[in-house]
C-alpha atoms as a PDB file:
ATOM      1  CA  MET A   1     -17.768 -14.033   7.962  1.00  0.00           C
ATOM      2  CA  GLU A   2     -19.895 -13.297   5.529  1.00  0.00           C
ATOM      3  CA  HIS A   3     -18.171  -9.909   5.440  1.00  0.00           C
ATOM      4  CA  VAL A   4     -14.589 -11.058   5.204  1.00  0.00           C
ATOM      5  CA  MET A   5     -15.739 -13.154   2.067  1.00  0.00           C
ATOM      6  CA  LEU A   6     -17.088  -9.921   0.429  1.00  0.00           C
ATOM      7  CA  LEU A   7     -13.760  -8.301   1.407  1.00  0.00           C
ATOM      8  CA  VAL A   8     -11.451 -10.974  -0.368  1.00  0.00           C
ATOM      9  CA  ASP A   9     -13.790 -10.970  -3.475  1.00  0.00           C
ATOM     10  CA  PHE A  10     -13.715  -7.152  -4.176  1.00  0.00           C
ATOM     11  CA  ILE A  11      -9.986  -7.600  -4.009  1.00  0.00           C
ATOM     12  CA  LEU A  12      -9.668 -10.634  -6.359  1.00  0.00           C
ATOM     13  CA  HIS A  13     -12.406  -9.173  -8.767  1.00  0.00           C
ATOM     14  CA  VAL A  14     -11.484  -5.178  -7.887  1.00  0.00           C
ATOM     15  CA  ASP A  15     -12.425  -4.949 -12.242  1.00  0.00           C
ATOM     16  CA  ARG A  16     -15.336  -5.937 -12.385  1.00  0.00           C
ATOM     17  CA  TYR A  17     -16.792  -4.082  -9.424  1.00  0.00           C
ATOM     18  CA  LEU A  18     -15.025  -0.888  -9.959  1.00  0.00           C
ATOM     19  CA  GLN A  19     -16.104  -0.675 -13.497  1.00  0.00           C
ATOM     20  CA  ALA A  20     -19.828  -1.482 -12.227  1.00  0.00           C
ATOM     21  CA  PHE A  21     -19.188   1.605 -10.112  1.00  0.00           C
ATOM     22  CA  VAL A  22     -17.910   3.520 -13.066  1.00  0.00           C
ATOM     23  CA  THR A  23     -21.050   2.637 -15.051  1.00  0.00           C
ATOM     24  CA  ASN A  24     -23.406   3.413 -12.277  1.00  0.00           C
ATOM     25  CA  TYR A  25     -22.147   6.142 -10.430  1.00  0.00           C
ATOM     26  CA  GLY A  26     -19.752   8.224 -13.528  1.00  0.00           C
ATOM     27  CA  ALA A  27     -17.115  10.622 -11.566  1.00  0.00           C
ATOM     28  CA  TRP A  28     -18.215   9.720  -8.467  1.00  0.00           C
ATOM     29  CA  VAL A  29     -15.530   7.154  -9.165  1.00  0.00           C
ATOM     30  CA  TYR A  30     -12.521   8.907  -8.266  1.00  0.00           C
ATOM     31  CA  ALA A  31     -13.925  10.908  -4.735  1.00  0.00           C
ATOM     32  CA  LEU A  32     -14.408   6.534  -3.933  1.00  0.00           C
ATOM     33  CA  LEU A  33     -10.583   5.995  -4.982  1.00  0.00           C
ATOM     34  CA  PHE A  34      -9.337   8.659  -2.963  1.00  0.00           C
ATOM     35  CA  LEU A  35     -11.217   7.561   0.291  1.00  0.00           C
ATOM     36  CA  ILE A  36      -9.592   3.564  -0.585  1.00  0.00           C
ATOM     37  CA  ILE A  37      -5.950   4.615  -1.693  1.00  0.00           C
ATOM     38  CA  PHE A  38      -6.026   7.331   1.488  1.00  0.00           C
ATOM     39  CA  VAL A  39      -7.206   5.016   3.723  1.00  0.00           C
ATOM     40  CA  GLU A  40      -4.853   1.967   2.707  1.00  0.00           C
ATOM     41  CA  THR A  41      -2.035   4.225   3.529  1.00  0.00           C
ATOM     42  CA  GLY A  42      -3.270   6.913   6.405  1.00  0.00           C
ATOM     43  CA  VAL A  43      -4.577   3.970   8.334  1.00  0.00           C
ATOM     44  CA  VAL A  44      -2.879   1.441  10.278  1.00  0.00           C
ATOM     45  CA  VAL A  45      -5.576  -0.845  11.089  1.00  0.00           C
ATOM     46  CA  MET A  46      -6.355  -1.084   7.420  1.00  0.00           C
ATOM     47  CA  PRO A  47      -3.568  -2.425   5.445  1.00  0.00           C
ATOM     48  CA  PHE A  48      -5.897  -5.189   4.007  1.00  0.00           C
ATOM     49  CA  LEU A  49      -7.675  -2.838   1.614  1.00  0.00           C
ATOM     50  CA  PRO A  50      -5.943  -3.812  -2.484  1.00  0.00           C
ATOM     51  CA  GLY A  51      -3.739  -1.044  -3.341  1.00  0.00           C
ATOM     52  CA  ASP A  52      -1.805  -2.189  -6.567  1.00  0.00           C
ATOM     53  CA  SER A  53      -4.728  -4.017  -8.058  1.00  0.00           C
ATOM     54  CA  LEU A  54      -6.565  -1.388  -7.848  1.00  0.00           C
ATOM     55  CA  LEU A  55      -4.198   0.976  -9.384  1.00  0.00           C
ATOM     56  CA  PHE A  56      -3.361  -1.384 -12.242  1.00  0.00           C
ATOM     57  CA  VAL A  57      -7.329  -1.720 -12.960  1.00  0.00           C
ATOM     58  CA  VAL A  58      -7.433   1.604 -12.965  1.00  0.00           C
ATOM     59  CA  GLY A  59      -5.092   2.231 -15.604  1.00  0.00           C
ATOM     60  CA  ALA A  60      -6.928  -0.232 -17.627  1.00  0.00           C
ATOM     61  CA  LEU A  61     -10.444   1.289 -17.529  1.00  0.00           C
ATOM     62  CA  CYS A  62      -8.432   4.826 -18.610  1.00  0.00           C
ATOM     63  CA  GLY A  63      -6.831   2.543 -21.071  1.00  0.00           C
ATOM     64  CA  LEU A  64     -10.699   1.546 -22.422  1.00  0.00           C
ATOM     65  CA  GLY A  65     -11.460   5.582 -22.266  1.00  0.00           C
ATOM     66  CA  LEU A  66     -13.447   4.731 -19.483  1.00  0.00           C
ATOM     67  CA  MET A  67     -11.615   7.279 -17.077  1.00  0.00           C
ATOM     68  CA  ASP A  68      -9.253   9.919 -16.879  1.00  0.00           C
ATOM     69  CA  PHE A  69      -5.430   9.158 -16.873  1.00  0.00           C
ATOM     70  CA  THR A  70      -3.671  12.716 -15.584  1.00  0.00           C
ATOM     71  CA  ALA A  71      -6.663  12.969 -13.399  1.00  0.00           C
ATOM     72  CA  SER A  72      -6.492   9.480 -11.981  1.00  0.00           C
ATOM     73  CA  VAL A  73      -2.387   9.771 -11.150  1.00  0.00           C
ATOM     74  CA  GLY A  74      -2.645  13.360  -9.711  1.00  0.00           C
ATOM     75  CA  LEU A  75      -5.479  12.086  -7.929  1.00  0.00           C
ATOM     76  CA  LEU A  76      -4.383   8.665  -6.304  1.00  0.00           C
ATOM     77  CA  TRP A  77      -0.689  10.664  -5.981  1.00  0.00           C
ATOM     78  CA  ALA A  78      -2.153  13.096  -3.594  1.00  0.00           C
ATOM     79  CA  ALA A  79      -4.439   9.974  -1.850  1.00  0.00           C
ATOM     80  CA  ALA A  80      -0.483   8.356  -1.322  1.00  0.00           C
ATOM     81  CA  VAL A  81       1.072  11.724  -0.090  1.00  0.00           C
ATOM     82  CA  LEU A  82      -1.501  12.664   2.447  1.00  0.00           C
ATOM     83  CA  GLY A  83      -2.437   9.149   3.189  1.00  0.00           C
ATOM     84  CA  ASN A  84       1.395   8.164   4.153  1.00  0.00           C
ATOM     85  CA  GLN A  85       1.737  12.036   6.399  1.00  0.00           C
ATOM     86  CA  SER A  86      -1.601  10.984   8.366  1.00  0.00           C
ATOM     87  CA  ASN A  87       0.002   7.447   9.360  1.00  0.00           C
ATOM     88  CA  TYR A  88       3.346   9.512  10.101  1.00  0.00           C
ATOM     89  CA  THR A  89       1.584  12.146  12.480  1.00  0.00           C
ATOM     90  CA  ILE A  90       0.093   9.505  13.977  1.00  0.00           C
ATOM     91  CA  GLY A  91       3.245   7.212  14.396  1.00  0.00           C
ATOM     92  CA  LYS A  92       5.160  10.316  15.856  1.00  0.00           C
ATOM     93  CA  ILE A  93       2.365  10.796  18.396  1.00  0.00           C
ATOM     94  CA  ILE A  94       2.394   7.653  19.601  1.00  0.00           C
ATOM     95  CA  GLY A  95       5.560   7.035  19.387  1.00  0.00           C
ATOM     96  CA  PRO A  96       7.834   4.573  21.451  1.00  0.00           C
ATOM     97  CA  ARG A  97       4.657   3.445  23.018  1.00  0.00           C
ATOM     98  CA  VAL A  98       3.648   1.322  19.908  1.00  0.00           C
ATOM     99  CA  PHE A  99       6.705  -1.649  20.776  1.00  0.00           C
ATOM    100  CA  GLN A 100       4.056  -2.285  24.225  1.00  0.00           C
ATOM    101  CA  TRP A 101       0.761  -3.385  22.515  1.00  0.00           C
ATOM    102  CA  GLU A 102      -0.177  -6.702  21.255  1.00  0.00           C
ATOM    103  CA  ASN A 103      -2.022  -8.239  18.422  1.00  0.00           C
ATOM    104  CA  SER A 104      -5.507  -7.440  18.611  1.00  0.00           C
ATOM    105  CA  ARG A 105      -7.822  -7.506  15.261  1.00  0.00           C
ATOM    106  CA  PHE A 106      -6.902  -3.239  15.060  1.00  0.00           C
ATOM    107  CA  PHE A 107      -3.579  -3.805  15.768  1.00  0.00           C
ATOM    108  CA  ASN A 108      -0.799  -6.141  13.977  1.00  0.00           C
ATOM    109  CA  LYS A 109       1.571  -6.833  15.703  1.00  0.00           C
ATOM    110  CA  ASN A 110       3.577  -8.886  13.834  1.00  0.00           C
ATOM    111  CA  ALA A 111       3.276  -7.239  10.149  1.00  0.00           C
ATOM    112  CA  PHE A 112       4.771  -3.490  12.725  1.00  0.00           C
ATOM    113  CA  ASN A 113       7.891  -5.359  13.627  1.00  0.00           C
ATOM    114  CA  GLN A 114       8.568  -6.654  10.406  1.00  0.00           C
ATOM    115  CA  ALA A 115       8.142  -2.974   8.879  1.00  0.00           C
ATOM    116  CA  HIS A 116      10.364  -1.940  11.877  1.00  0.00           C
ATOM    117  CA  ALA A 117      12.791  -4.131  11.230  1.00  0.00           C
ATOM    118  CA  PHE A 118      12.918  -3.314   7.274  1.00  0.00           C
ATOM    119  CA  TYR A 119      13.470   0.468   8.486  1.00  0.00           C
ATOM    120  CA  GLU A 120      16.292  -0.819  10.320  1.00  0.00           C
ATOM    121  CA  LYS A 121      18.007  -2.527   8.082  1.00  0.00           C
ATOM    122  CA  TYR A 122      17.224  -0.156   4.761  1.00  0.00           C
ATOM    123  CA  GLY A 123      16.408   3.335   6.542  1.00  0.00           C
ATOM    124  CA  GLY A 124      14.376   6.157   4.802  1.00  0.00           C
ATOM    125  CA  ILE A 125      14.391   4.356   1.409  1.00  0.00           C
ATOM    126  CA  THR A 126      11.869   1.740   2.996  1.00  0.00           C
ATOM    127  CA  ILE A 127       9.571   4.736   2.742  1.00  0.00           C
ATOM    128  CA  VAL A 128      10.038   3.945  -1.025  1.00  0.00           C
ATOM    129  CA  VAL A 129      10.404   0.426  -1.873  1.00  0.00           C
ATOM    130  CA  ALA A 130       7.529  -0.325   1.020  1.00  0.00           C
ATOM    131  CA  ARG A 131       5.068   1.403  -1.501  1.00  0.00           C
ATOM    132  CA  PHE A 132       5.125  -1.574  -3.180  1.00  0.00           C
ATOM    133  CA  MET A 133       4.374  -4.041  -0.975  1.00  0.00           C
ATOM    134  CA  PRO A 134       1.373  -5.138   0.809  1.00  0.00           C
ATOM    135  CA  PHE A 135       1.063  -4.018   4.352  1.00  0.00           C
ATOM    136  CA  LEU A 136       4.105  -2.853   4.692  1.00  0.00           C
ATOM    137  CA  ARG A 137       3.395  -0.191   2.664  1.00  0.00           C
ATOM    138  CA  THR A 138       0.565   0.951   5.656  1.00  0.00           C
ATOM    139  CA  PHE A 139       3.398  -0.102   8.740  1.00  0.00           C
ATOM    140  CA  ALA A 140       6.401   1.988   7.263  1.00  0.00           C
ATOM    141  CA  PRO A 141       5.329   5.552   7.383  1.00  0.00           C
ATOM    142  CA  PHE A 142       3.601   4.694  10.906  1.00  0.00           C
ATOM    143  CA  VAL A 143       7.373   3.412  11.563  1.00  0.00           C
ATOM    144  CA  ALA A 144       9.055   6.043  10.442  1.00  0.00           C
ATOM    145  CA  GLY A 145       6.997   8.643  12.549  1.00  0.00           C
ATOM    146  CA  VAL A 146       7.554   5.959  15.590  1.00  0.00           C
ATOM    147  CA  ALA A 147      10.914   6.321  14.474  1.00  0.00           C
ATOM    148  CA  GLN A 148      10.921  10.728  14.610  1.00  0.00           C
ATOM    149  CA  MET A 149      12.567  10.663  11.177  1.00  0.00           C
ATOM    150  CA  THR A 150      12.102  14.718  10.503  1.00  0.00           C
ATOM    151  CA  ARG A 151       8.481  15.590   8.429  1.00  0.00           C
ATOM    152  CA  SER A 152      11.415  17.171   5.452  1.00  0.00           C
ATOM    153  CA  LYS A 153      13.382  13.854   5.162  1.00  0.00           C
ATOM    154  CA  PHE A 154       9.904  11.801   5.047  1.00  0.00           C
ATOM    155  CA  SER A 155       8.105  14.588   2.898  1.00  0.00           C
ATOM    156  CA  PHE A 156      11.080  13.685   0.576  1.00  0.00           C
ATOM    157  CA  TYR A 157      10.543  10.073   0.133  1.00  0.00           C
ATOM    158  CA  ASP A 158       6.514  10.019   0.587  1.00  0.00           C
ATOM    159  CA  VAL A 159       6.788  12.486  -2.550  1.00  0.00           C
ATOM    160  CA  THR A 160       9.098  10.322  -4.396  1.00  0.00           C
ATOM    161  CA  GLY A 161       7.863   7.112  -3.841  1.00  0.00           C
ATOM    162  CA  GLY A 162       3.861   8.186  -4.127  1.00  0.00           C
ATOM    163  CA  GLY A 163       4.386   9.004  -7.705  1.00  0.00           C
ATOM    164  CA  LEU A 164       6.850   6.282  -8.633  1.00  0.00           C
ATOM    165  CA  TRP A 165       3.969   3.698  -7.491  1.00  0.00           C
ATOM    166  CA  VAL A 166       0.947   5.419  -8.485  1.00  0.00           C
ATOM    167  CA  GLY A 167       2.757   6.841 -11.763  1.00  0.00           C
ATOM    168  CA  GLY A 168       4.381   3.485 -12.351  1.00  0.00           C
ATOM    169  CA  ILE A 169       1.479   0.961 -11.630  1.00  0.00           C
ATOM    170  CA  VAL A 170      -1.295   3.036 -13.622  1.00  0.00           C
ATOM    171  CA  THR A 171       0.888   3.165 -16.108  1.00  0.00           C
ATOM    172  CA  ALA A 172       1.133  -0.229 -16.534  1.00  0.00           C
ATOM    173  CA  GLY A 173      -2.597  -1.410 -16.039  1.00  0.00           C
ATOM    174  CA  TYR A 174      -2.637   1.133 -19.501  1.00  0.00           C
ATOM    175  CA  PHE A 175      -0.953  -0.034 -21.752  1.00  0.00           C
ATOM    176  CA  PHE A 176      -0.938  -3.812 -20.405  1.00  0.00           C
ATOM    177  CA  GLY A 177      -4.288  -4.226 -19.073  1.00  0.00           C
ATOM    178  CA  SER A 178      -6.600  -4.732 -22.141  1.00  0.00           C
ATOM    179  CA  ILE A 179      -4.193  -7.715 -23.436  1.00  0.00           C
ATOM    180  CA  PRO A 180      -6.219 -10.867 -22.880  1.00  0.00           C
ATOM    181  CA  PHE A 181      -3.801 -12.951 -20.915  1.00  0.00           C
ATOM    182  CA  VAL A 182      -3.474 -10.440 -18.231  1.00  0.00           C
ATOM    183  CA  LYS A 183      -6.815  -9.944 -18.255  1.00  0.00           C
ATOM    184  CA  GLU A 184      -7.977 -13.524 -17.845  1.00  0.00           C
ATOM    185  CA  HIS A 185      -5.359 -14.154 -15.173  1.00  0.00           C
ATOM    186  CA  LEU A 186      -6.094 -10.799 -13.467  1.00  0.00           C
ATOM    187  CA  ASP A 187      -6.940 -12.966 -10.193  1.00  0.00           C
ATOM    188  CA  LYS A 188      -3.410 -14.930 -10.097  1.00  0.00           C
ATOM    189  CA  ILE A 189      -1.672 -11.364 -11.241  1.00  0.00           C
ATOM    190  CA  ILE A 190      -3.540  -9.780  -7.909  1.00  0.00           C
ATOM    191  CA  TRP A 191      -2.025 -13.072  -6.115  1.00  0.00           C
ATOM    192  CA  ALA A 192       1.429 -12.245  -6.713  1.00  0.00           C
ATOM    193  CA  THR A 193       1.380  -8.963  -5.942  1.00  0.00           C
ATOM    194  CA  ILE A 194       0.138  -9.966  -2.200  1.00  0.00           C
ATOM    195  CA  LEU A 195       2.128 -12.737  -2.059  1.00  0.00           C
ATOM    196  CA  VAL A 196       5.641 -12.294  -3.586  1.00  0.00           C
ATOM    197  CA  PRO A 197       6.136  -8.927  -1.557  1.00  0.00           C
ATOM    198  CA  GLY A 198       5.282 -10.026   1.501  1.00  0.00           C
ATOM    199  CA  LEU A 199       7.635 -12.511   0.919  1.00  0.00           C
ATOM    200  CA  ILE A 200      10.302 -10.449   0.340  1.00  0.00           C
ATOM    201  CA  VAL A 201       9.238  -8.539   3.751  1.00  0.00           C
ATOM    202  CA  LEU A 202       9.578 -11.395   5.469  1.00  0.00           C
ATOM    203  CA  ALA A 203      12.531 -12.931   4.653  1.00  0.00           C
ATOM    204  CA  GLY A 204      14.178  -9.042   4.785  1.00  0.00           C
ATOM    205  CA  ALA A 205      12.225  -9.353   8.732  1.00  0.00           C
ATOM    206  CA  TRP A 206      14.252 -12.756   9.071  1.00  0.00           C
ATOM    207  CA  GLN A 207      17.539 -11.804   8.095  1.00  0.00           C
ATOM    208  CA  ALA A 208      17.341  -8.091  10.216  1.00  0.00           C
ATOM    209  CA  LYS A 209      15.962 -10.633  13.143  1.00  0.00           C
ATOM    210  CA  ARG A 210      19.264 -12.665  13.102  1.00  0.00           C
ATOM    211  CA  LYS A 211      21.398  -9.999  12.918  1.00  0.00           C
ATOM    212  CA  SER A 212      20.115  -7.811  15.757  1.00  0.00           C
ATOM    213  CA  ALA A 213      20.381 -11.857  17.813  1.00  0.00           C
ATOM    214  CA  ALA A 214      24.383 -11.692  17.019  1.00  0.00           C
ATOM    215  CA  VAL A 215      24.702  -8.771  17.932  1.00  0.00           C
ATOM    216  CA  ALA A 216      22.735  -8.720  21.057  1.00  0.00           C
ATOM    217  CA  ARG A 217      25.508 -11.836  21.637  1.00  0.00           C
ATOM    218  CA  GLY A 218      28.601  -9.840  21.139  1.00  0.00           C
END
């Protein structure tokens, strides 16, 4: 339970943790950030790591001169692309067997089903849209692999989505992260980045389920 509370505290106050890390360890922060983004996008059992909030804070630190903007965007874009490629490969190897898995501490079957329903409804563009949605971001490349999307098609959406996600949010943090109102309400903004996209995914999955049920009934 203590570990869970520490993780929640890290997610909600990632700005303080990251700034302290930069102060104490300097350039090693780039290696830490690469690892976090790669794992969050590349390992299907780790969807709870911070993504959007982390990128926003990185942008804010770049705006303060504590980190390099170009290096941050380039490195984290590479991490996001390589993470998705890893996740896609795992899904392609495992294939349809994943539909037989049950919920466990290492695999969220409900999140997988939501991502699959979203993919069935929107196709390849899911890889781009999912970048901005917690949980769906982790499961979308895995689902694409399970669905046997071709590597070339997946890579196009992967690189495009990764660039929009990393570049867009880091840039937003760079310009808006130092605004007093944003700094004061950052924890609420982080909650919003988690809850709002999650509700959108649930709504999309519910609609897709209703549509499938209607088709099944004939």
